[in-house]
Amino acid sequence: MERRSVKQKAARLFGQWGVFFKGFLEHPKMVGSIIPSSRFTISKMLSRVKWDECKVFVEYGPGVGTFCQPVLDRLPRDGQLIVIDTNPLYIDYLKKHFRDSRFSAVLGSAADVEEIVRAHGHQNADYVLSGLPFSTLPKGVGPAIAAATYRVIRPGGAFLVYQFSAKARDFMAPHFERIDNGFEPLNVLPCQLFWGWKEPAA
């Protein structure tokens, strides 16, 4: 029984990595890394979320769901996690893997986040997480995503971004009043962390 359990865990692990790697090979400019984020990056990135005030959490480019379970573990019972990806390979994998009623996987563009959030019965998102490689996205897509993200986030919410390059901050700066910086060395590769806050109205 124990041996079978180990084999099952190994199969799930390599299956997940296999899907992730295949997605990277198919769309290298749309996937931020060849390796999923480390648990240290996940923990630090989510540490500033006020979970008791979070009802709608959105993630761009979830890949094989490295952040999904940690978010669901923290999300209130009446919350919702909406993930958006342009790769049907990842969306199909996520729909099969996550059976939580609070989870929704959408095949689409992050630039359409406002329409996607409204289609799920909400006007705003509390937090939006992104690992998209802004600097390698097609021309105009990065700025469009940053602008739409600012509009969809409620006052007091935040845009959480993790990147290998600090250039992601340049896309956030025109919209977010305050941007906190962080760094996580225990990741392959070490990555920059940003929290862009949409300040409450005066």
N, C-alpha and C. Protein backbone atom coordinates (compact mmCIF):
# COMPACT_ATOMS: atom_id res chain seq x y z
N MET A 1 0.83 -1.21 0.00
CA MET A 1 0.00 0.00 0.00
C MET A 1 0.86 1.26 0.00
N GLU A 2 1.90 1.27 0.83
CA GLU A 2 2.78 2.44 0.91
C GLU A 2 3.52 2.65 -0.40
N ARG A 3 3.98 1.52 -1.01
CA ARG A 3 4.70 1.61 -2.27
C ARG A 3 3.79 2.17 -3.36
N ARG A 4 2.53 1.75 -3.37
CA ARG A 4 1.58 2.25 -4.36
C ARG A 4 1.35 3.74 -4.16
N SER A 5 1.26 4.18 -2.92
CA SER A 5 1.05 5.59 -2.62
C SER A 5 2.21 6.43 -3.14
N VAL A 6 3.43 5.95 -2.94
CA VAL A 6 4.61 6.67 -3.42
C VAL A 6 4.58 6.77 -4.95
N LYS A 7 4.20 5.66 -5.59
CA LYS A 7 4.13 5.65 -7.05
C LYS A 7 3.06 6.63 -7.55
N GLN A 8 1.94 6.66 -6.85
CA GLN A 8 0.87 7.57 -7.25
C GLN A 8 1.29 9.02 -7.11
N LYS A 9 1.99 9.33 -6.02
CA LYS A 9 2.49 10.69 -5.82
C LYS A 9 3.50 11.07 -6.89
N ALA A 10 4.37 10.13 -7.22
CA ALA A 10 5.38 10.39 -8.25
C ALA A 10 4.73 10.62 -9.60
N ALA A 11 3.70 9.83 -9.89
CA ALA A 11 3.00 9.98 -11.17
C ALA A 11 2.33 11.34 -11.27
N ARG A 12 1.72 11.76 -10.15
CA ARG A 12 1.08 13.08 -10.15
C ARG A 12 2.11 14.18 -10.33
N LEU A 13 3.26 14.05 -9.66
CA LEU A 13 4.30 15.07 -9.73
C LEU A 13 4.84 15.20 -11.15
N PHE A 14 5.25 14.06 -11.73
CA PHE A 14 5.83 14.11 -13.07
C PHE A 14 4.77 14.45 -14.11
N GLY A 15 3.53 14.04 -13.84
CA GLY A 15 2.45 14.41 -14.75
C GLY A 15 2.27 15.92 -14.78
N GLN A 16 2.29 16.54 -13.61
CA GLN A 16 2.15 17.98 -13.50
C GLN A 16 3.31 18.69 -14.18
N TRP A 17 4.53 18.25 -13.90
CA TRP A 17 5.70 18.87 -14.51
C TRP A 17 5.71 18.66 -16.02
N GLY A 18 5.24 17.48 -16.45
CA GLY A 18 5.19 17.21 -17.88
C GLY A 18 4.25 18.15 -18.59
N VAL A 19 3.07 18.40 -18.00
CA VAL A 19 2.11 19.33 -18.58
C VAL A 19 2.69 20.74 -18.61
N PHE A 20 3.33 21.14 -17.50
CA PHE A 20 3.92 22.48 -17.41
C PHE A 20 4.98 22.66 -18.49
N PHE A 21 5.88 21.67 -18.62
CA PHE A 21 6.97 21.76 -19.57
C PHE A 21 6.45 21.79 -21.01
N LYS A 22 5.43 20.99 -21.29
CA LYS A 22 4.84 20.98 -22.63
C LYS A 22 4.25 22.35 -22.96
N GLY A 23 3.57 22.95 -21.98
CA GLY A 23 3.01 24.27 -22.19
C GLY A 23 4.06 25.32 -22.45
N PHE A 24 5.20 25.18 -21.76
CA PHE A 24 6.31 26.11 -21.95
C PHE A 24 6.87 25.97 -23.37
N LEU A 25 7.03 24.74 -23.83
CA LEU A 25 7.58 24.51 -25.16
C LEU A 25 6.65 25.06 -26.25
N GLU A 26 5.34 24.95 -26.02
CA GLU A 26 4.38 25.42 -27.01
C GLU A 26 4.30 26.95 -27.07
N HIS A 27 4.37 27.59 -25.89
CA HIS A 27 4.22 29.05 -25.83
C HIS A 27 5.25 29.65 -24.86
N PRO A 28 6.54 29.61 -25.22
CA PRO A 28 7.58 30.07 -24.29
C PRO A 28 7.47 31.55 -23.89
N LYS A 29 6.93 32.39 -24.77
CA LYS A 29 6.83 33.81 -24.46
C LYS A 29 5.66 34.12 -23.54
N MET A 30 4.75 33.15 -23.37
CA MET A 30 3.58 33.37 -22.52
C MET A 30 3.73 32.71 -21.16
N VAL A 31 4.79 31.91 -20.97
CA VAL A 31 5.04 31.24 -19.70
C VAL A 31 6.26 31.85 -19.06
N GLY A 32 6.13 32.30 -17.83
CA GLY A 32 7.20 33.03 -17.18
C GLY A 32 8.44 32.22 -16.85
N SER A 33 8.29 30.90 -16.68
CA SER A 33 9.41 30.08 -16.25
C SER A 33 9.25 28.66 -16.76
N ILE A 34 10.37 27.97 -16.87
CA ILE A 34 10.35 26.57 -17.28
C ILE A 34 10.05 25.67 -16.08
N ILE A 35 10.15 26.23 -14.86
CA ILE A 35 9.93 25.50 -13.62
C ILE A 35 8.89 26.24 -12.77
N PRO A 36 7.91 25.55 -12.19
CA PRO A 36 6.92 26.21 -11.33
C PRO A 36 7.57 26.93 -10.14
N SER A 37 6.87 27.91 -9.60
CA SER A 37 7.38 28.71 -8.48
C SER A 37 7.60 27.86 -7.24
N SER A 38 8.57 28.28 -6.43
CA SER A 38 8.89 27.55 -5.20
C SER A 38 7.87 27.87 -4.11
N ARG A 39 7.83 27.03 -3.07
CA ARG A 39 6.91 27.26 -1.95
C ARG A 39 7.27 28.54 -1.20
N PHE A 40 8.54 28.96 -1.29
CA PHE A 40 8.96 30.19 -0.63
C PHE A 40 8.38 31.40 -1.35
N THR A 41 8.40 31.35 -2.68
CA THR A 41 7.80 32.42 -3.47
C THR A 41 6.31 32.51 -3.21
N ILE A 42 5.65 31.36 -3.20
CA ILE A 42 4.20 31.31 -2.97
C ILE A 42 3.85 31.93 -1.61
N SER A 43 4.56 31.51 -0.58
CA SER A 43 4.28 31.99 0.77
C SER A 43 4.49 33.49 0.89
N LYS A 44 5.59 33.98 0.36
CA LYS A 44 5.90 35.41 0.47
C LYS A 44 4.93 36.24 -0.37
N MET A 45 4.60 35.75 -1.55
CA MET A 45 3.71 36.50 -2.44
C MET A 45 2.32 36.66 -1.85
N LEU A 46 1.84 35.62 -1.16
CA LEU A 46 0.49 35.65 -0.60
C LEU A 46 0.41 36.22 0.81
N SER A 47 1.57 36.53 1.40
CA SER A 47 1.61 36.93 2.81
C SER A 47 0.92 38.26 3.09
N ARG A 48 0.75 39.11 2.10
CA ARG A 48 0.16 40.42 2.34
C ARG A 48 -1.33 40.49 2.02
N VAL A 49 -1.89 39.38 1.63
CA VAL A 49 -3.33 39.34 1.35
C VAL A 49 -4.11 39.30 2.66
N LYS A 50 -5.13 40.15 2.77
CA LYS A 50 -6.02 40.11 3.92
C LYS A 50 -7.15 39.14 3.59
N TRP A 51 -6.95 37.89 3.97
CA TRP A 51 -7.85 36.84 3.53
C TRP A 51 -9.26 36.98 4.08
N ASP A 52 -9.40 37.57 5.25
CA ASP A 52 -10.75 37.73 5.80
C ASP A 52 -11.55 38.78 5.03
N GLU A 53 -10.86 39.56 4.17
CA GLU A 53 -11.53 40.57 3.35
C GLU A 53 -11.56 40.16 1.87
N CYS A 54 -11.16 38.94 1.58
CA CYS A 54 -11.04 38.49 0.20
C CYS A 54 -12.19 37.57 -0.20
N LYS A 55 -12.96 38.00 -1.17
CA LYS A 55 -14.06 37.19 -1.70
C LYS A 55 -13.78 36.74 -3.13
N VAL A 56 -13.05 37.57 -3.89
CA VAL A 56 -12.74 37.24 -5.28
C VAL A 56 -11.24 37.39 -5.51
N PHE A 57 -10.60 36.28 -5.82
CA PHE A 57 -9.16 36.26 -6.09
C PHE A 57 -8.99 35.78 -7.53
N VAL A 58 -8.22 36.53 -8.32
CA VAL A 58 -8.01 36.21 -9.73
C VAL A 58 -6.53 35.92 -9.96
N GLU A 59 -6.25 34.94 -10.78
CA GLU A 59 -4.86 34.66 -11.15
C GLU A 59 -4.72 34.60 -12.66
N TYR A 60 -3.68 35.29 -13.17
CA TYR A 60 -3.34 35.22 -14.59
C TYR A 60 -2.22 34.20 -14.78
N GLY A 61 -2.34 33.39 -15.82
CA GLY A 61 -1.27 32.45 -16.14
C GLY A 61 -1.02 31.44 -15.04
N PRO A 62 -2.04 30.70 -14.61
CA PRO A 62 -1.87 29.76 -13.50
C PRO A 62 -1.01 28.55 -13.82
N GLY A 63 -0.78 28.29 -15.12
CA GLY A 63 0.00 27.11 -15.47
C GLY A 63 -0.70 25.85 -14.99
N VAL A 64 0.00 25.04 -14.21
CA VAL A 64 -0.60 23.80 -13.69
C VAL A 64 -1.11 23.97 -12.26
N GLY A 65 -1.27 25.22 -11.83
CA GLY A 65 -1.93 25.47 -10.55
C GLY A 65 -1.04 25.50 -9.34
N THR A 66 0.21 25.91 -9.51
CA THR A 66 1.14 25.96 -8.38
C THR A 66 0.61 26.82 -7.24
N PHE A 67 -0.03 27.94 -7.57
CA PHE A 67 -0.58 28.84 -6.56
C PHE A 67 -2.01 28.48 -6.16
N CYS A 68 -2.70 27.69 -6.98
CA CYS A 68 -4.14 27.49 -6.79
C CYS A 68 -4.50 26.87 -5.45
N GLN A 69 -3.86 25.76 -5.09
CA GLN A 69 -4.22 25.13 -3.82
C GLN A 69 -3.87 26.01 -2.62
N PRO A 70 -2.68 26.65 -2.60
CA PRO A 70 -2.39 27.56 -1.48
C PRO A 70 -3.42 28.69 -1.36
N VAL A 71 -3.91 29.20 -2.50
CA VAL A 71 -4.94 30.24 -2.45
C VAL A 71 -6.24 29.66 -1.91
N LEU A 72 -6.65 28.50 -2.41
CA LEU A 72 -7.89 27.87 -1.95
C LEU A 72 -7.83 27.52 -0.46
N ASP A 73 -6.65 27.15 0.02
CA ASP A 73 -6.48 26.82 1.43
C ASP A 73 -6.72 28.04 2.33
N ARG A 74 -6.48 29.22 1.80
CA ARG A 74 -6.60 30.46 2.57
C ARG A 74 -7.92 31.19 2.32
N LEU A 75 -8.54 30.91 1.20
CA LEU A 75 -9.73 31.64 0.77
C LEU A 75 -10.94 31.28 1.65
N PRO A 76 -11.78 32.27 2.01
CA PRO A 76 -12.99 31.98 2.79
C PRO A 76 -13.91 31.00 2.05
N ARG A 77 -14.80 30.37 2.78
CA ARG A 77 -15.69 29.36 2.19
C ARG A 77 -16.60 29.95 1.12
N ASP A 78 -16.93 31.23 1.25
CA ASP A 78 -17.80 31.87 0.26
C ASP A 78 -17.01 32.66 -0.78
N GLY A 79 -15.70 32.45 -0.83
CA GLY A 79 -14.86 33.15 -1.80
C GLY A 79 -14.84 32.44 -3.14
N GLN A 80 -14.18 33.06 -4.11
CA GLN A 80 -14.04 32.44 -5.43
C GLN A 80 -12.66 32.73 -6.00
N LEU A 81 -12.05 31.70 -6.57
CA LEU A 81 -10.78 31.83 -7.27
C LEU A 81 -11.05 31.65 -8.76
N ILE A 82 -10.72 32.68 -9.54
CA ILE A 82 -10.89 32.65 -10.99
C ILE A 82 -9.51 32.69 -11.62
N VAL A 83 -9.15 31.68 -12.38
CA VAL A 83 -7.85 31.67 -13.05
C VAL A 83 -8.06 31.81 -14.55
N ILE A 84 -7.17 32.56 -15.19
CA ILE A 84 -7.31 32.87 -16.62
C ILE A 84 -6.02 32.51 -17.34
N ASP A 85 -6.15 31.74 -18.40
CA ASP A 85 -4.96 31.36 -19.18
C ASP A 85 -5.34 31.24 -20.65
N THR A 86 -4.40 31.55 -21.53
CA THR A 86 -4.65 31.46 -22.97
C THR A 86 -4.32 30.07 -23.52
N ASN A 87 -3.75 29.21 -22.69
CA ASN A 87 -3.33 27.89 -23.14
C ASN A 87 -4.37 26.84 -22.75
N PRO A 88 -5.06 26.25 -23.73
CA PRO A 88 -6.09 25.24 -23.41
C PRO A 88 -5.51 24.01 -22.72
N LEU A 89 -4.24 23.73 -22.91
CA LEU A 89 -3.60 22.59 -22.25
C LEU A 89 -3.66 22.76 -20.73
N TYR A 90 -3.33 23.96 -20.27
CA TYR A 90 -3.36 24.24 -18.84
C TYR A 90 -4.79 24.27 -18.30
N ILE A 91 -5.69 24.90 -19.04
CA ILE A 91 -7.08 25.00 -18.59
C ILE A 91 -7.70 23.62 -18.45
N ASP A 92 -7.48 22.76 -19.42
CA ASP A 92 -8.01 21.39 -19.34
C ASP A 92 -7.45 20.66 -18.12
N TYR A 93 -6.15 20.82 -17.88
CA TYR A 93 -5.52 20.16 -16.74
C TYR A 93 -6.12 20.66 -15.42
N LEU A 94 -6.28 21.97 -15.31
CA LEU A 94 -6.79 22.56 -14.07
C LEU A 94 -8.23 22.14 -13.79
N LYS A 95 -9.05 22.09 -14.81
CA LYS A 95 -10.44 21.70 -14.62
C LYS A 95 -10.56 20.26 -14.13
N LYS A 96 -9.65 19.41 -14.55
CA LYS A 96 -9.66 18.02 -14.12
C LYS A 96 -9.08 17.86 -12.72
N HIS A 97 -8.12 18.73 -12.40
CA HIS A 97 -7.36 18.56 -11.16
C HIS A 97 -8.04 19.20 -9.95
N PHE A 98 -8.69 20.36 -10.15
CA PHE A 98 -9.29 21.08 -9.02
C PHE A 98 -10.82 20.93 -9.06
N ARG A 99 -11.36 20.28 -8.04
CA ARG A 99 -12.79 20.02 -7.97
C ARG A 99 -13.50 20.93 -6.97
N ASP A 100 -12.79 21.87 -6.41
CA ASP A 100 -13.35 22.79 -5.43
C ASP A 100 -14.42 23.67 -6.09
N SER A 101 -15.57 23.79 -5.45
CA SER A 101 -16.67 24.57 -6.02
C SER A 101 -16.33 26.06 -6.11
N ARG A 102 -15.32 26.50 -5.37
CA ARG A 102 -14.91 27.91 -5.41
C ARG A 102 -13.97 28.20 -6.57
N PHE A 103 -13.60 27.19 -7.33
CA PHE A 103 -12.58 27.32 -8.37
C PHE A 103 -13.20 27.38 -9.76
N SER A 104 -12.73 28.36 -10.57
CA SER A 104 -13.16 28.47 -11.97
C SER A 104 -11.94 28.73 -12.85
N ALA A 105 -11.80 27.93 -13.91
CA ALA A 105 -10.70 28.10 -14.86
C ALA A 105 -11.27 28.59 -16.18
N VAL A 106 -10.73 29.70 -16.68
CA VAL A 106 -11.26 30.35 -17.89
C VAL A 106 -10.20 30.41 -18.97
N LEU A 107 -10.54 29.94 -20.16
CA LEU A 107 -9.66 30.07 -21.32
C LEU A 107 -9.90 31.46 -21.91
N GLY A 108 -8.92 32.33 -21.82
CA GLY A 108 -9.10 33.68 -22.31
C GLY A 108 -7.89 34.54 -21.99
N SER A 109 -8.02 35.82 -22.29
CA SER A 109 -6.93 36.78 -22.07
C SER A 109 -7.14 37.56 -20.79
N ALA A 110 -6.04 37.82 -20.09
CA ALA A 110 -6.10 38.62 -18.87
C ALA A 110 -6.58 40.04 -19.17
N ALA A 111 -6.41 40.49 -20.41
CA ALA A 111 -6.87 41.83 -20.79
C ALA A 111 -8.39 41.93 -20.71
N ASP A 112 -9.07 40.78 -20.71
CA ASP A 112 -10.54 40.75 -20.63
C ASP A 112 -11.03 40.46 -19.22
N VAL A 113 -10.19 40.70 -18.23
CA VAL A 113 -10.51 40.34 -16.85
C VAL A 113 -11.81 40.97 -16.35
N GLU A 114 -12.11 42.19 -16.76
CA GLU A 114 -13.33 42.85 -16.29
C GLU A 114 -14.57 42.08 -16.74
N GLU A 115 -14.61 41.68 -18.01
CA GLU A 115 -15.74 40.92 -18.52
C GLU A 115 -15.82 39.54 -17.86
N ILE A 116 -14.67 38.93 -17.63
CA ILE A 116 -14.64 37.60 -17.02
C ILE A 116 -15.14 37.64 -15.58
N VAL A 117 -14.71 38.63 -14.84
CA VAL A 117 -15.17 38.78 -13.45
C VAL A 117 -16.67 39.04 -13.39
N ARG A 118 -17.15 39.90 -14.28
CA ARG A 118 -18.59 40.18 -14.31
C ARG A 118 -19.39 38.94 -14.70
N ALA A 119 -18.84 38.14 -15.62
CA ALA A 119 -19.53 36.92 -16.05
C ALA A 119 -19.68 35.92 -14.90
N HIS A 120 -18.82 36.07 -13.87
CA HIS A 120 -18.90 35.20 -12.70
C HIS A 120 -19.71 35.83 -11.57
N GLY A 121 -20.39 36.93 -11.89
CA GLY A 121 -21.31 37.53 -10.94
C GLY A 121 -20.72 38.56 -10.01
N HIS A 122 -19.55 39.10 -10.36
CA HIS A 122 -18.89 40.08 -9.49
C HIS A 122 -18.57 41.35 -10.26
N GLN A 123 -18.52 42.46 -9.54
CA GLN A 123 -18.15 43.73 -10.15
C GLN A 123 -16.64 43.98 -10.06
N ASN A 124 -16.05 43.46 -9.01
CA ASN A 124 -14.62 43.71 -8.78
C ASN A 124 -13.93 42.47 -8.25
N ALA A 125 -12.62 42.51 -8.29
CA ALA A 125 -11.78 41.49 -7.64
C ALA A 125 -11.09 42.14 -6.46
N ASP A 126 -10.82 41.37 -5.43
CA ASP A 126 -10.09 41.91 -4.28
C ASP A 126 -8.58 41.90 -4.54
N TYR A 127 -8.12 40.80 -5.12
CA TYR A 127 -6.70 40.66 -5.44
C TYR A 127 -6.54 39.97 -6.78
N VAL A 128 -5.51 40.39 -7.50
CA VAL A 128 -5.16 39.74 -8.76
C VAL A 128 -3.69 39.36 -8.70
N LEU A 129 -3.40 38.11 -9.01
CA LEU A 129 -2.03 37.58 -8.99
C LEU A 129 -1.58 37.30 -10.41
N SER A 130 -0.33 37.64 -10.72
CA SER A 130 0.17 37.39 -12.07
C SER A 130 1.64 36.98 -12.07
N GLY A 131 1.92 35.92 -12.84
CA GLY A 131 3.29 35.52 -13.10
C GLY A 131 3.59 35.67 -14.58
N LEU A 132 2.72 36.37 -15.31
CA LEU A 132 2.93 36.55 -16.75
C LEU A 132 4.22 37.33 -17.02
N PRO A 133 4.97 36.94 -18.02
CA PRO A 133 6.22 37.64 -18.37
C PRO A 133 5.92 38.91 -19.16
N PHE A 134 5.63 39.99 -18.47
CA PHE A 134 5.19 41.23 -19.12
C PHE A 134 6.13 41.70 -20.23
N SER A 135 7.43 41.56 -20.02
CA SER A 135 8.40 42.09 -20.97
C SER A 135 8.43 41.32 -22.29
N THR A 136 7.89 40.10 -22.33
CA THR A 136 7.91 39.32 -23.56
C THR A 136 6.53 39.14 -24.19
N LEU A 137 5.52 39.75 -23.59
CA LEU A 137 4.18 39.67 -24.16
C LEU A 137 4.13 40.47 -25.46
N PRO A 138 3.21 40.12 -26.38
CA PRO A 138 3.08 40.89 -27.62
C PRO A 138 2.87 42.39 -27.34
N LYS A 139 3.32 43.21 -28.25
CA LYS A 139 3.25 44.66 -28.08
C LYS A 139 1.83 45.13 -27.75
N GLY A 140 1.72 45.92 -26.72
CA GLY A 140 0.44 46.48 -26.32
C GLY A 140 -0.34 45.64 -25.34
N VAL A 141 -0.01 44.36 -25.24
CA VAL A 141 -0.78 43.47 -24.36
C VAL A 141 -0.49 43.76 -22.89
N GLY A 142 0.78 43.95 -22.55
CA GLY A 142 1.15 44.24 -21.17
C GLY A 142 0.46 45.48 -20.62
N PRO A 143 0.54 46.62 -21.32
CA PRO A 143 -0.15 47.82 -20.83
C PRO A 143 -1.66 47.63 -20.72
N ALA A 144 -2.24 46.89 -21.67
CA ALA A 144 -3.69 46.66 -21.63
C ALA A 144 -4.07 45.83 -20.41
N ILE A 145 -3.27 44.83 -20.08
CA ILE A 145 -3.55 43.99 -18.91
C ILE A 145 -3.42 44.81 -17.63
N ALA A 146 -2.36 45.62 -17.54
CA ALA A 146 -2.15 46.43 -16.34
C ALA A 146 -3.31 47.40 -16.12
N ALA A 147 -3.77 48.05 -17.19
CA ALA A 147 -4.87 49.01 -17.09
C ALA A 147 -6.18 48.31 -16.68
N ALA A 148 -6.48 47.18 -17.33
CA ALA A 148 -7.71 46.46 -17.00
C ALA A 148 -7.67 45.92 -15.58
N THR A 149 -6.49 45.51 -15.14
CA THR A 149 -6.34 45.00 -13.77
C THR A 149 -6.63 46.09 -12.75
N TYR A 150 -6.10 47.27 -13.00
CA TYR A 150 -6.36 48.38 -12.07
C TYR A 150 -7.86 48.67 -11.98
N ARG A 151 -8.53 48.66 -13.13
CA ARG A 151 -9.96 48.97 -13.13
C ARG A 151 -10.78 47.91 -12.39
N VAL A 152 -10.38 46.65 -12.50
CA VAL A 152 -11.19 45.58 -11.91
C VAL A 152 -10.97 45.42 -10.41
N ILE A 153 -9.82 45.85 -9.91
CA ILE A 153 -9.53 45.70 -8.48
C ILE A 153 -10.29 46.75 -7.67
N ARG A 154 -10.87 46.31 -6.58
CA ARG A 154 -11.59 47.25 -5.70
C ARG A 154 -10.60 48.14 -4.97
N PRO A 155 -11.03 49.33 -4.55
CA PRO A 155 -10.17 50.17 -3.70
C PRO A 155 -9.76 49.42 -2.45
N GLY A 156 -8.48 49.44 -2.14
CA GLY A 156 -7.95 48.70 -1.01
C GLY A 156 -7.38 47.35 -1.40
N GLY A 157 -7.65 46.92 -2.64
CA GLY A 157 -7.12 45.65 -3.13
C GLY A 157 -5.74 45.83 -3.74
N ALA A 158 -5.21 44.75 -4.31
CA ALA A 158 -3.84 44.82 -4.81
C ALA A 158 -3.61 43.90 -6.00
N PHE A 159 -2.61 44.27 -6.80
CA PHE A 159 -2.13 43.49 -7.93
C PHE A 159 -0.80 42.87 -7.50
N LEU A 160 -0.76 41.54 -7.40
CA LEU A 160 0.42 40.81 -6.93
C LEU A 160 1.16 40.25 -8.14
N VAL A 161 2.42 40.64 -8.31
CA VAL A 161 3.18 40.25 -9.49
C VAL A 161 4.52 39.66 -9.08
N TYR A 162 4.87 38.51 -9.65
CA TYR A 162 6.20 37.94 -9.44
C TYR A 162 6.85 37.73 -10.81
N GLN A 163 8.09 38.18 -10.93
CA GLN A 163 8.80 38.20 -12.21
C GLN A 163 10.29 37.99 -11.98
N PHE A 164 10.98 37.55 -13.02
CA PHE A 164 12.44 37.48 -12.96
C PHE A 164 13.04 38.85 -13.23
N SER A 165 12.30 39.69 -13.92
CA SER A 165 12.78 41.02 -14.29
C SER A 165 12.00 42.09 -13.54
N ALA A 166 12.69 43.18 -13.19
CA ALA A 166 12.04 44.29 -12.50
C ALA A 166 11.21 45.14 -13.46
N LYS A 167 11.25 44.83 -14.75
CA LYS A 167 10.52 45.63 -15.74
C LYS A 167 9.01 45.56 -15.53
N ALA A 168 8.56 44.54 -14.86
CA ALA A 168 7.12 44.43 -14.60
C ALA A 168 6.60 45.66 -13.86
N ARG A 169 7.46 46.23 -13.04
CA ARG A 169 7.06 47.41 -12.27
C ARG A 169 6.70 48.58 -13.19
N ASP A 170 7.37 48.66 -14.34
CA ASP A 170 7.12 49.74 -15.29
C ASP A 170 5.69 49.69 -15.84
N PHE A 171 5.13 48.49 -15.96
CA PHE A 171 3.77 48.34 -16.45
C PHE A 171 2.76 48.70 -15.36
N MET A 172 3.14 48.50 -14.10
CA MET A 172 2.24 48.77 -12.99
C MET A 172 2.23 50.24 -12.59
N ALA A 173 3.38 50.89 -12.72
CA ALA A 173 3.58 52.25 -12.18
C ALA A 173 2.57 53.29 -12.68
N PRO A 174 2.15 53.27 -13.96
CA PRO A 174 1.20 54.29 -14.40
C PRO A 174 -0.18 54.20 -13.74
N HIS A 175 -0.46 53.10 -13.08
CA HIS A 175 -1.81 52.88 -12.56
C HIS A 175 -1.89 52.79 -11.04
N PHE A 176 -0.95 52.12 -10.42
CA PHE A 176 -1.06 51.84 -8.99
C PHE A 176 -0.34 52.89 -8.16
N GLU A 177 -1.09 53.41 -7.16
CA GLU A 177 -0.59 54.53 -6.36
C GLU A 177 0.64 54.16 -5.52
N ARG A 178 0.66 52.94 -5.04
CA ARG A 178 1.79 52.48 -4.21
C ARG A 178 2.20 51.09 -4.63
N ILE A 179 3.49 50.90 -4.83
CA ILE A 179 4.01 49.60 -5.21
C ILE A 179 5.11 49.20 -4.23
N ASP A 180 4.87 48.11 -3.52
CA ASP A 180 5.87 47.57 -2.61
C ASP A 180 6.71 46.54 -3.35
N ASN A 181 8.01 46.53 -3.05
CA ASN A 181 8.94 45.61 -3.71
C ASN A 181 9.40 44.52 -2.76
N GLY A 182 9.68 43.35 -3.31
CA GLY A 182 10.24 42.25 -2.54
C GLY A 182 11.14 41.41 -3.42
N PHE A 183 11.80 40.43 -2.83
CA PHE A 183 12.72 39.57 -3.58
C PHE A 183 12.74 38.20 -2.92
N GLU A 184 12.71 37.17 -3.74
CA GLU A 184 12.78 35.81 -3.22
C GLU A 184 13.94 35.07 -3.89
N PRO A 185 15.05 34.86 -3.14
CA PRO A 185 16.21 34.16 -3.71
C PRO A 185 16.00 32.65 -3.85
N LEU A 186 15.11 32.08 -3.03
CA LEU A 186 14.90 30.63 -3.05
C LEU A 186 13.85 30.25 -4.08
N ASN A 187 14.19 30.52 -5.32
CA ASN A 187 13.32 30.22 -6.45
C ASN A 187 14.23 29.99 -7.65
N VAL A 188 13.76 29.23 -8.62
CA VAL A 188 14.55 29.01 -9.84
C VAL A 188 13.82 29.69 -10.99
N LEU A 189 14.31 30.80 -11.42
CA LEU A 189 15.40 31.66 -10.94
C LEU A 189 14.90 32.54 -9.80
N PRO A 190 15.83 33.20 -9.04
CA PRO A 190 15.39 34.17 -8.03
C PRO A 190 14.47 35.20 -8.67
N CYS A 191 13.42 35.62 -7.96
CA CYS A 191 12.46 36.49 -8.62
C CYS A 191 12.13 37.75 -7.82
N GLN A 192 11.71 38.74 -8.58
CA GLN A 192 11.26 40.02 -8.04
C GLN A 192 9.78 39.89 -7.68
N LEU A 193 9.39 40.50 -6.58
CA LEU A 193 7.99 40.47 -6.14
C LEU A 193 7.46 41.89 -6.04
N PHE A 194 6.25 42.10 -6.49
CA PHE A 194 5.64 43.43 -6.43
C PHE A 194 4.20 43.33 -5.94
N TRP A 195 3.82 44.29 -5.12
CA TRP A 195 2.42 44.42 -4.67
C TRP A 195 1.97 45.82 -5.02
N GLY A 196 1.11 45.94 -6.02
CA GLY A 196 0.60 47.25 -6.42
C GLY A 196 -0.75 47.48 -5.76
N TRP A 197 -0.84 48.52 -4.94
CA TRP A 197 -2.05 48.77 -4.15
C TRP A 197 -2.92 49.84 -4.78
N LYS A 198 -4.21 49.54 -4.84
CA LYS A 198 -5.18 50.53 -5.29
C LYS A 198 -5.75 51.18 -4.04
N GLU A 199 -5.28 52.37 -3.78
CA GLU A 199 -5.62 53.03 -2.52
C GLU A 199 -7.12 53.34 -2.43
N PRO A 200 -7.69 53.20 -1.23
CA PRO A 200 -9.11 53.56 -1.04
C PRO A 200 -9.34 55.03 -1.36
N ALA A 201 -10.53 55.34 -1.84
CA ALA A 201 -10.85 56.74 -2.16
C ALA A 201 -10.80 57.56 -0.90
N ALA A 202 -10.32 58.82 -1.04
CA ALA A 202 -10.19 59.71 0.13
C ALA A 202 -11.58 60.05 0.65
